[in-house]
Amino acid sequence: MEPGGAAEDGGTSGIRGPLAGVPVQPGPSAPEAAPRGTGRRLRPWRLLPTPTGTPFTFTYAAVLAGTSLFMEFAAPDTVAAALRASSTDVTHLAQSPVLVLLASALWIAGGITSPFVIAFVVVLTALERRIGGLRTAAVFLLGHVLATLATEVPVGLSVLAGHLPDSSLHRLDYGISFGVAASVGALAGLLTPWLRWPVLVGVGAMLVQDLIAFTDPLTNWGHLLALGIGVATWPLVRRWRTRGARRSRPADARAPRTPRRSATTA
């Protein structure tokens, strides 16, 4: 064979037997390695809710925007009456607990400028993308309901014991802050450790600072309690995330692959 003949025979050199003279078909090329650092791109728009990606958070945020506009532009007497009817004070909890527990979560204490608005949007969006809408709603309601009862029931008992006046039974109480605090605690359990502990320490420090200020001790205790309720859901939300990840995987990715046999030449 002359030098360079292997390059001119169409790729048939080296094959003997019945397949001699048949051009060798090129095999599948190896996938190119992805450039380092492009596996997980920053997508800041995923911090915001969308109708299809996070329907619960998107719908809830739209409702809160509507009630906040109502608080801003409606007549003050009308707004005050609506808030009193939605208050989770001891009297209302004794008369219609389910109604007021739901109605009180339709308002933002402090209006649209409250810092809990940003926390609500970012935290609930992130949580819903990880565990789904219904489970996010369950975490939010769990913190909202338990923290509300834990702060209002002692008020009722203190009134019965004579330690507080009867006016405490009508203390105005509404807002989303308990549910948001519980959602922060739950989301922290799904974050990586380098982000989880700074979030918990930072949020916890702010809540403790509010408690030390002693402007509204019942509400401030409720925030810390709601954060603890969210932390207590870590085993549950982690199990939910694992199940959701398994269901979202395509069928061909879950099925075991059989090794391909290479063709043998005679």
C-alpha atoms as a PDB file:
ATOM      1  CA  MET A   1       0.000   0.000   0.000  1.00  0.00           C
ATOM      2  CA  GLU A   2       1.347   3.377  -0.976  1.00  0.00           C
ATOM      3  CA  PRO A   3       1.638   6.134   1.573  1.00  0.00           C
ATOM      4  CA  GLY A   4      -1.614   8.023   1.868  1.00  0.00           C
ATOM      5  CA  GLY A   5      -3.703   5.159   0.435  1.00  0.00           C
ATOM      6  CA  ALA A   6      -5.708   4.797   3.638  1.00  0.00           C
ATOM      7  CA  ALA A   7      -7.055   8.283   3.166  1.00  0.00           C
ATOM      8  CA  GLU A   8      -8.094   7.658  -0.436  1.00  0.00           C
ATOM      9  CA  ASP A   9      -9.959   4.379  -0.144  1.00  0.00           C
ATOM     10  CA  GLY A  10     -13.180   5.932   1.243  1.00  0.00           C
ATOM     11  CA  GLY A  11     -12.667   4.556   4.724  1.00  0.00           C
ATOM     12  CA  THR A  12     -12.648   0.818   3.708  1.00  0.00           C
ATOM     13  CA  SER A  13      -9.060  -0.058   4.566  1.00  0.00           C
ATOM     14  CA  GLY A  14      -8.548  -2.517   7.358  1.00  0.00           C
ATOM     15  CA  ILE A  15     -11.861  -4.416   6.713  1.00  0.00           C
ATOM     16  CA  ARG A  16     -11.667  -7.948   5.329  1.00  0.00           C
ATOM     17  CA  GLY A  17     -14.219 -10.596   4.579  1.00  0.00           C
ATOM     18  CA  PRO A  18     -17.764 -10.096   3.241  1.00  0.00           C
ATOM     19  CA  LEU A  19     -17.829  -6.435   4.305  1.00  0.00           C
ATOM     20  CA  ALA A  20     -14.693  -5.578   2.362  1.00  0.00           C
ATOM     21  CA  GLY A  21     -15.304  -2.630   0.093  1.00  0.00           C
ATOM     22  CA  VAL A  22     -18.282  -1.286   2.081  1.00  0.00           C
ATOM     23  CA  PRO A  23     -17.625   2.258   3.332  1.00  0.00           C
ATOM     24  CA  VAL A  24     -17.539   2.548   7.085  1.00  0.00           C
ATOM     25  CA  GLN A  25     -20.441   4.631   8.407  1.00  0.00           C
ATOM     26  CA  PRO A  26     -19.439   7.312  10.873  1.00  0.00           C
ATOM     27  CA  GLY A  27     -20.649   6.554  14.403  1.00  0.00           C
ATOM     28  CA  PRO A  28     -22.454   8.992  16.650  1.00  0.00           C
ATOM     29  CA  SER A  29     -20.191  11.788  17.703  1.00  0.00           C
ATOM     30  CA  ALA A  30     -19.600  12.291  21.384  1.00  0.00           C
ATOM     31  CA  PRO A  31     -21.633  15.148  22.860  1.00  0.00           C
ATOM     32  CA  GLU A  32     -19.682  18.301  23.270  1.00  0.00           C
ATOM     33  CA  ALA A  33     -18.955  19.266  26.814  1.00  0.00           C
ATOM     34  CA  ALA A  34     -21.008  22.223  27.955  1.00  0.00           C
ATOM     35  CA  PRO A  35     -18.964  25.284  28.804  1.00  0.00           C
ATOM     36  CA  ARG A  36     -18.219  25.526  32.488  1.00  0.00           C
ATOM     37  CA  GLY A  37     -20.586  27.791  34.376  1.00  0.00           C
ATOM     38  CA  THR A  38     -23.484  27.557  31.923  1.00  0.00           C
ATOM     39  CA  GLY A  39     -25.345  24.700  33.648  1.00  0.00           C
ATOM     40  CA  ARG A  40     -27.321  26.949  35.966  1.00  0.00           C
ATOM     41  CA  ARG A  41     -27.948  30.405  34.624  1.00  0.00           C
ATOM     42  CA  LEU A  42     -29.282  33.225  36.693  1.00  0.00           C
ATOM     43  CA  ARG A  43     -32.917  33.823  35.817  1.00  0.00           C
ATOM     44  CA  PRO A  44     -34.135  36.697  37.979  1.00  0.00           C
ATOM     45  CA  TRP A  45     -37.580  36.677  36.374  1.00  0.00           C
ATOM     46  CA  ARG A  46     -38.259  33.381  38.144  1.00  0.00           C
ATOM     47  CA  LEU A  47     -38.461  35.351  41.390  1.00  0.00           C
ATOM     48  CA  LEU A  48     -41.795  36.726  40.177  1.00  0.00           C
ATOM     49  CA  PRO A  49     -45.051  34.737  40.033  1.00  0.00           C
ATOM     50  CA  THR A  50     -46.633  33.809  36.716  1.00  0.00           C
ATOM     51  CA  PRO A  51     -50.139  32.525  35.898  1.00  0.00           C
ATOM     52  CA  THR A  52     -48.842  29.189  34.618  1.00  0.00           C
ATOM     53  CA  GLY A  53     -45.691  28.629  36.660  1.00  0.00           C
ATOM     54  CA  THR A  54     -47.002  29.704  40.084  1.00  0.00           C
ATOM     55  CA  PRO A  55     -50.782  30.072  39.814  1.00  0.00           C
ATOM     56  CA  PHE A  56     -51.449  30.141  43.560  1.00  0.00           C
ATOM     57  CA  THR A  57     -48.984  32.928  44.304  1.00  0.00           C
ATOM     58  CA  PHE A  58     -50.009  34.881  41.198  1.00  0.00           C
ATOM     59  CA  THR A  59     -53.717  34.720  42.017  1.00  0.00           C
ATOM     60  CA  TYR A  60     -53.193  35.472  45.691  1.00  0.00           C
ATOM     61  CA  ALA A  61     -50.955  38.444  44.862  1.00  0.00           C
ATOM     62  CA  ALA A  62     -53.626  39.804  42.509  1.00  0.00           C
ATOM     63  CA  VAL A  63     -56.248  39.551  45.276  1.00  0.00           C
ATOM     64  CA  LEU A  64     -53.953  41.321  47.741  1.00  0.00           C
ATOM     65  CA  ALA A  65     -53.280  44.051  45.194  1.00  0.00           C
ATOM     66  CA  GLY A  66     -57.024  44.571  44.857  1.00  0.00           C
ATOM     67  CA  THR A  67     -57.661  44.776  48.596  1.00  0.00           C
ATOM     68  CA  SER A  68     -54.675  47.126  49.009  1.00  0.00           C
ATOM     69  CA  LEU A  69     -56.090  49.468  46.384  1.00  0.00           C
ATOM     70  CA  PHE A  70     -59.409  49.299  48.206  1.00  0.00           C
ATOM     71  CA  MET A  71     -57.699  50.300  51.447  1.00  0.00           C
ATOM     72  CA  GLU A  72     -55.982  53.178  49.666  1.00  0.00           C
ATOM     73  CA  PHE A  73     -58.882  54.720  47.778  1.00  0.00           C
ATOM     74  CA  ALA A  74     -62.116  53.645  49.492  1.00  0.00           C
ATOM     75  CA  ALA A  75     -63.845  55.764  52.120  1.00  0.00           C
ATOM     76  CA  PRO A  76     -62.096  55.478  55.511  1.00  0.00           C
ATOM     77  CA  ASP A  77     -65.286  54.398  57.278  1.00  0.00           C
ATOM     78  CA  THR A  78     -65.850  51.648  54.722  1.00  0.00           C
ATOM     79  CA  VAL A  79     -62.275  50.418  55.040  1.00  0.00           C
ATOM     80  CA  ALA A  80     -62.457  50.419  58.846  1.00  0.00           C
ATOM     81  CA  ALA A  81     -65.693  48.430  58.789  1.00  0.00           C
ATOM     82  CA  ALA A  82     -64.216  45.857  56.377  1.00  0.00           C
ATOM     83  CA  LEU A  83     -61.114  45.417  58.515  1.00  0.00           C
ATOM     84  CA  ARG A  84     -63.135  45.051  61.703  1.00  0.00           C
ATOM     85  CA  ALA A  85     -65.286  42.386  60.064  1.00  0.00           C
ATOM     86  CA  SER A  86     -62.142  40.495  58.969  1.00  0.00           C
ATOM     87  CA  SER A  87     -60.300  40.783  62.274  1.00  0.00           C
ATOM     88  CA  THR A  88     -59.232  37.582  64.016  1.00  0.00           C
ATOM     89  CA  ASP A  89     -59.887  38.959  67.468  1.00  0.00           C
ATOM     90  CA  VAL A  90     -61.156  36.717  70.246  1.00  0.00           C
ATOM     91  CA  THR A  91     -64.795  37.674  69.708  1.00  0.00           C
ATOM     92  CA  HIS A  92     -64.782  36.878  66.000  1.00  0.00           C
ATOM     93  CA  LEU A  93     -62.798  33.666  66.511  1.00  0.00           C
ATOM     94  CA  ALA A  94     -65.431  32.495  68.976  1.00  0.00           C
ATOM     95  CA  GLN A  95     -68.305  33.346  66.618  1.00  0.00           C
ATOM     96  CA  SER A  96     -67.053  32.452  63.112  1.00  0.00           C
ATOM     97  CA  PRO A  97     -63.468  31.167  63.262  1.00  0.00           C
ATOM     98  CA  VAL A  98     -63.164  29.756  59.734  1.00  0.00           C
ATOM     99  CA  LEU A  99     -64.570  32.857  58.071  1.00  0.00           C
ATOM    100  CA  VAL A 100     -62.369  35.372  59.854  1.00  0.00           C
ATOM    101  CA  LEU A 101     -59.237  33.227  59.570  1.00  0.00           C
ATOM    102  CA  LEU A 102     -59.662  33.244  55.794  1.00  0.00           C
ATOM    103  CA  ALA A 103     -60.839  36.847  55.537  1.00  0.00           C
ATOM    104  CA  SER A 104     -57.997  38.215  57.653  1.00  0.00           C
ATOM    105  CA  ALA A 105     -55.472  36.792  55.169  1.00  0.00           C
ATOM    106  CA  LEU A 106     -56.917  38.950  52.367  1.00  0.00           C
ATOM    107  CA  TRP A 107     -55.426  42.162  53.759  1.00  0.00           C
ATOM    108  CA  ILE A 108     -51.911  43.515  54.133  1.00  0.00           C
ATOM    109  CA  ALA A 109     -51.281  45.322  57.394  1.00  0.00           C
ATOM    110  CA  GLY A 110     -49.628  48.569  56.372  1.00  0.00           C
ATOM    111  CA  GLY A 111     -50.874  48.418  52.802  1.00  0.00           C
ATOM    112  CA  ILE A 112     -48.948  47.871  49.608  1.00  0.00           C
ATOM    113  CA  THR A 113     -45.832  49.571  51.034  1.00  0.00           C
ATOM    114  CA  SER A 114     -45.383  46.969  53.771  1.00  0.00           C
ATOM    115  CA  PRO A 115     -42.048  45.080  53.656  1.00  0.00           C
ATOM    116  CA  PHE A 116     -44.046  41.863  53.837  1.00  0.00           C
ATOM    117  CA  VAL A 117     -45.212  42.499  50.253  1.00  0.00           C
ATOM    118  CA  ILE A 118     -41.776  41.849  48.768  1.00  0.00           C
ATOM    119  CA  ALA A 119     -41.253  38.890  51.092  1.00  0.00           C
ATOM    120  CA  PHE A 120     -44.627  37.474  50.076  1.00  0.00           C
ATOM    121  CA  VAL A 121     -43.895  37.651  46.345  1.00  0.00           C
ATOM    122  CA  VAL A 122     -40.331  36.303  46.478  1.00  0.00           C
ATOM    123  CA  VAL A 123     -40.775  33.642  49.161  1.00  0.00           C
ATOM    124  CA  LEU A 124     -44.082  32.170  48.029  1.00  0.00           C
ATOM    125  CA  THR A 125     -42.970  32.137  44.397  1.00  0.00           C
ATOM    126  CA  ALA A 126     -39.788  30.254  45.306  1.00  0.00           C
ATOM    127  CA  LEU A 127     -41.672  27.855  47.566  1.00  0.00           C
ATOM    128  CA  GLU A 128     -44.381  27.134  45.002  1.00  0.00           C
ATOM    129  CA  ARG A 129     -41.807  26.396  42.292  1.00  0.00           C
ATOM    130  CA  ARG A 130     -40.361  23.734  44.582  1.00  0.00           C
ATOM    131  CA  ILE A 131     -43.378  22.023  46.157  1.00  0.00           C
ATOM    132  CA  GLY A 132     -46.423  23.168  44.147  1.00  0.00           C
ATOM    133  CA  GLY A 133     -49.334  25.521  44.709  1.00  0.00           C
ATOM    134  CA  LEU A 134     -51.590  23.467  46.978  1.00  0.00           C
ATOM    135  CA  ARG A 135     -48.744  22.543  49.303  1.00  0.00           C
ATOM    136  CA  THR A 136     -47.549  26.144  49.428  1.00  0.00           C
ATOM    137  CA  ALA A 137     -51.066  27.200  50.379  1.00  0.00           C
ATOM    138  CA  ALA A 138     -51.080  24.527  53.095  1.00  0.00           C
ATOM    139  CA  VAL A 139     -47.814  25.819  54.595  1.00  0.00           C
ATOM    140  CA  PHE A 140     -49.051  29.407  54.476  1.00  0.00           C
ATOM    141  CA  LEU A 141     -52.386  28.564  56.117  1.00  0.00           C
ATOM    142  CA  LEU A 142     -50.711  26.392  58.734  1.00  0.00           C
ATOM    143  CA  GLY A 143     -48.551  29.270  59.910  1.00  0.00           C
ATOM    144  CA  HIS A 144     -51.378  31.796  59.625  1.00  0.00           C
ATOM    145  CA  VAL A 145     -53.889  29.731  61.589  1.00  0.00           C
ATOM    146  CA  LEU A 146     -51.633  28.306  64.303  1.00  0.00           C
ATOM    147  CA  ALA A 147     -49.826  31.570  65.026  1.00  0.00           C
ATOM    148  CA  THR A 148     -53.141  33.448  65.152  1.00  0.00           C
ATOM    149  CA  LEU A 149     -54.659  30.993  67.605  1.00  0.00           C
ATOM    150  CA  ALA A 150     -51.486  30.911  69.691  1.00  0.00           C
ATOM    151  CA  THR A 151     -51.596  34.696  70.135  1.00  0.00           C
ATOM    152  CA  GLU A 152     -55.340  35.226  70.522  1.00  0.00           C
ATOM    153  CA  VAL A 153     -56.304  32.337  72.796  1.00  0.00           C
ATOM    154  CA  PRO A 154     -54.053  33.594  75.627  1.00  0.00           C
ATOM    155  CA  VAL A 155     -55.730  36.988  75.270  1.00  0.00           C
ATOM    156  CA  GLY A 156     -59.138  35.411  75.841  1.00  0.00           C
ATOM    157  CA  LEU A 157     -57.887  33.441  78.825  1.00  0.00           C
ATOM    158  CA  SER A 158     -56.294  36.563  80.315  1.00  0.00           C
ATOM    159  CA  VAL A 159     -59.580  38.444  79.983  1.00  0.00           C
ATOM    160  CA  LEU A 160     -61.416  35.627  81.720  1.00  0.00           C
ATOM    161  CA  ALA A 161     -58.849  35.681  84.524  1.00  0.00           C
ATOM    162  CA  GLY A 162     -59.231  39.431  84.896  1.00  0.00           C
ATOM    163  CA  HIS A 163     -55.691  40.288  83.823  1.00  0.00           C
ATOM    164  CA  LEU A 164     -56.799  42.166  80.695  1.00  0.00           C
ATOM    165  CA  PRO A 165     -59.778  44.472  80.051  1.00  0.00           C
ATOM    166  CA  ASP A 166     -62.754  43.385  77.960  1.00  0.00           C
ATOM    167  CA  SER A 167     -61.648  45.700  75.156  1.00  0.00           C
ATOM    168  CA  SER A 168     -58.811  43.238  74.428  1.00  0.00           C
ATOM    169  CA  LEU A 169     -61.424  40.855  73.042  1.00  0.00           C
ATOM    170  CA  HIS A 170     -61.863  43.232  70.089  1.00  0.00           C
ATOM    171  CA  ARG A 171     -58.209  43.850  69.298  1.00  0.00           C
ATOM    172  CA  LEU A 172     -57.839  44.498  65.545  1.00  0.00           C
ATOM    173  CA  ASP A 173     -55.815  41.682  64.013  1.00  0.00           C
ATOM    174  CA  TYR A 174     -55.421  40.950  60.301  1.00  0.00           C
ATOM    175  CA  GLY A 175     -52.738  40.487  57.670  1.00  0.00           C
ATOM    176  CA  ILE A 176     -50.489  38.000  55.883  1.00  0.00           C
ATOM    177  CA  SER A 177     -47.392  38.308  58.057  1.00  0.00           C
ATOM    178  CA  PHE A 178     -47.833  35.022  59.960  1.00  0.00           C
ATOM    179  CA  GLY A 179     -48.236  33.048  56.748  1.00  0.00           C
ATOM    180  CA  VAL A 180     -45.237  34.757  55.163  1.00  0.00           C
ATOM    181  CA  ALA A 181     -43.051  34.046  58.201  1.00  0.00           C
ATOM    182  CA  ALA A 182     -44.031  30.359  58.112  1.00  0.00           C
ATOM    183  CA  SER A 183     -43.290  30.240  54.376  1.00  0.00           C
ATOM    184  CA  VAL A 184     -39.830  31.725  54.985  1.00  0.00           C
ATOM    185  CA  GLY A 185     -39.125  29.032  57.565  1.00  0.00           C
ATOM    186  CA  ALA A 186     -40.299  26.266  55.232  1.00  0.00           C
ATOM    187  CA  LEU A 187     -38.374  27.605  52.229  1.00  0.00           C
ATOM    188  CA  ALA A 188     -35.152  27.759  54.246  1.00  0.00           C
ATOM    189  CA  GLY A 189     -35.263  23.985  54.584  1.00  0.00           C
ATOM    190  CA  LEU A 190     -35.134  23.627  50.798  1.00  0.00           C
ATOM    191  CA  LEU A 191     -32.172  25.946  50.279  1.00  0.00           C
ATOM    192  CA  THR A 192     -28.515  25.003  50.264  1.00  0.00           C
ATOM    193  CA  PRO A 193     -26.830  25.297  53.690  1.00  0.00           C
ATOM    194  CA  TRP A 194     -24.738  28.339  52.726  1.00  0.00           C
ATOM    195  CA  LEU A 195     -27.977  30.210  51.992  1.00  0.00           C
ATOM    196  CA  ARG A 196     -30.317  28.520  54.492  1.00  0.00           C
ATOM    197  CA  TRP A 197     -28.650  29.641  57.700  1.00  0.00           C
ATOM    198  CA  PRO A 198     -28.038  33.283  56.722  1.00  0.00           C
ATOM    199  CA  VAL A 199     -31.725  33.555  55.766  1.00  0.00           C
ATOM    200  CA  LEU A 200     -32.891  32.078  59.070  1.00  0.00           C
ATOM    201  CA  VAL A 201     -30.472  34.103  61.161  1.00  0.00           C
ATOM    202  CA  GLY A 202     -31.238  37.329  59.314  1.00  0.00           C
ATOM    203  CA  VAL A 203     -35.027  36.970  59.453  1.00  0.00           C
ATOM    204  CA  GLY A 204     -34.933  35.738  63.040  1.00  0.00           C
ATOM    205  CA  ALA A 205     -32.776  38.687  64.096  1.00  0.00           C
ATOM    206  CA  MET A 206     -35.213  41.161  62.569  1.00  0.00           C
ATOM    207  CA  LEU A 207     -38.155  39.527  64.326  1.00  0.00           C
ATOM    208  CA  VAL A 208     -36.343  39.518  67.654  1.00  0.00           C
ATOM    209  CA  GLN A 209     -35.494  43.191  67.186  1.00  0.00           C
ATOM    210  CA  ASP A 210     -39.184  43.938  66.624  1.00  0.00           C
ATOM    211  CA  LEU A 211     -40.017  42.015  69.776  1.00  0.00           C
ATOM    212  CA  ILE A 212     -37.462  43.968  71.801  1.00  0.00           C
ATOM    213  CA  ALA A 213     -38.974  47.222  70.531  1.00  0.00           C
ATOM    214  CA  PHE A 214     -42.199  46.035  72.249  1.00  0.00           C
ATOM    215  CA  THR A 215     -44.522  48.004  69.970  1.00  0.00           C
ATOM    216  CA  ASP A 216     -46.860  45.047  69.395  1.00  0.00           C
ATOM    217  CA  PRO A 217     -45.622  42.097  71.476  1.00  0.00           C
ATOM    218  CA  LEU A 218     -48.458  39.728  70.581  1.00  0.00           C
ATOM    219  CA  THR A 219     -47.901  40.120  66.849  1.00  0.00           C
ATOM    220  CA  ASN A 220     -44.127  39.963  67.242  1.00  0.00           C
ATOM    221  CA  TRP A 221     -44.345  36.731  69.233  1.00  0.00           C
ATOM    222  CA  GLY A 222     -46.648  35.407  66.524  1.00  0.00           C
ATOM    223  CA  HIS A 223     -44.020  36.128  63.853  1.00  0.00           C
ATOM    224  CA  LEU A 224     -41.362  34.145  65.715  1.00  0.00           C
ATOM    225  CA  LEU A 225     -43.791  31.313  66.336  1.00  0.00           C
ATOM    226  CA  ALA A 226     -44.806  31.234  62.660  1.00  0.00           C
ATOM    227  CA  LEU A 227     -41.141  31.092  61.613  1.00  0.00           C
ATOM    228  CA  GLY A 228     -40.674  28.121  63.942  1.00  0.00           C
ATOM    229  CA  ILE A 229     -43.755  26.436  62.469  1.00  0.00           C
ATOM    230  CA  GLY A 230     -42.215  26.764  59.019  1.00  0.00           C
ATOM    231  CA  VAL A 231     -38.949  25.227  60.239  1.00  0.00           C
ATOM    232  CA  ALA A 232     -40.937  22.339  61.753  1.00  0.00           C
ATOM    233  CA  THR A 233     -42.282  21.505  58.261  1.00  0.00           C
ATOM    234  CA  TRP A 234     -38.815  20.763  56.845  1.00  0.00           C
ATOM    235  CA  PRO A 235     -39.243  16.952  56.762  1.00  0.00           C
ATOM    236  CA  LEU A 236     -42.587  17.366  55.032  1.00  0.00           C
ATOM    237  CA  VAL A 237     -41.594  19.957  52.429  1.00  0.00           C
ATOM    238  CA  ARG A 238     -38.415  18.052  51.608  1.00  0.00           C
ATOM    239  CA  ARG A 239     -40.474  14.920  50.999  1.00  0.00           C
ATOM    240  CA  TRP A 240     -42.853  16.930  48.810  1.00  0.00           C
ATOM    241  CA  ARG A 241     -39.984  18.332  46.773  1.00  0.00           C
ATOM    242  CA  THR A 242     -38.488  14.871  46.241  1.00  0.00           C
ATOM    243  CA  ARG A 243     -41.815  13.480  45.033  1.00  0.00           C
ATOM    244  CA  GLY A 244     -42.341  16.435  42.740  1.00  0.00           C
ATOM    245  CA  ALA A 245     -38.883  16.026  41.233  1.00  0.00           C
ATOM    246  CA  ARG A 246     -39.529  12.356  40.520  1.00  0.00           C
ATOM    247  CA  ARG A 247     -42.852  13.066  38.831  1.00  0.00           C
ATOM    248  CA  SER A 248     -41.414  15.845  36.702  1.00  0.00           C
ATOM    249  CA  ARG A 249     -38.670  13.638  35.265  1.00  0.00           C
ATOM    250  CA  PRO A 250     -39.438  12.331  31.747  1.00  0.00           C
ATOM    251  CA  ALA A 251     -40.273   8.652  31.383  1.00  0.00           C
ATOM    252  CA  ASP A 252     -37.206   7.896  29.281  1.00  0.00           C
ATOM    253  CA  ALA A 253     -34.984   9.402  31.961  1.00  0.00           C
ATOM    254  CA  ARG A 254     -36.500   7.137  34.610  1.00  0.00           C
ATOM    255  CA  ALA A 255     -36.301   3.931  32.542  1.00  0.00           C
ATOM    256  CA  PRO A 256     -33.027   1.985  32.837  1.00  0.00           C
ATOM    257  CA  ARG A 257     -30.968   2.075  29.708  1.00  0.00           C
ATOM    258  CA  THR A 258     -29.561  -1.140  28.206  1.00  0.00           C
ATOM    259  CA  PRO A 259     -25.986  -0.948  26.919  1.00  0.00           C
ATOM    260  CA  ARG A 260     -25.670  -0.834  23.150  1.00  0.00           C
ATOM    261  CA  ARG A 261     -23.720  -3.703  21.575  1.00  0.00           C
ATOM    262  CA  SER A 262     -21.015  -2.669  19.189  1.00  0.00           C
ATOM    263  CA  ALA A 263     -21.052  -4.247  15.738  1.00  0.00           C
ATOM    264  CA  THR A 264     -18.442  -6.987  15.196  1.00  0.00           C
ATOM    265  CA  THR A 265     -16.646  -7.456  11.969  1.00  0.00           C
ATOM    266  CA  ALA A 266     -15.952 -10.781  10.409  1.00  0.00           C
END
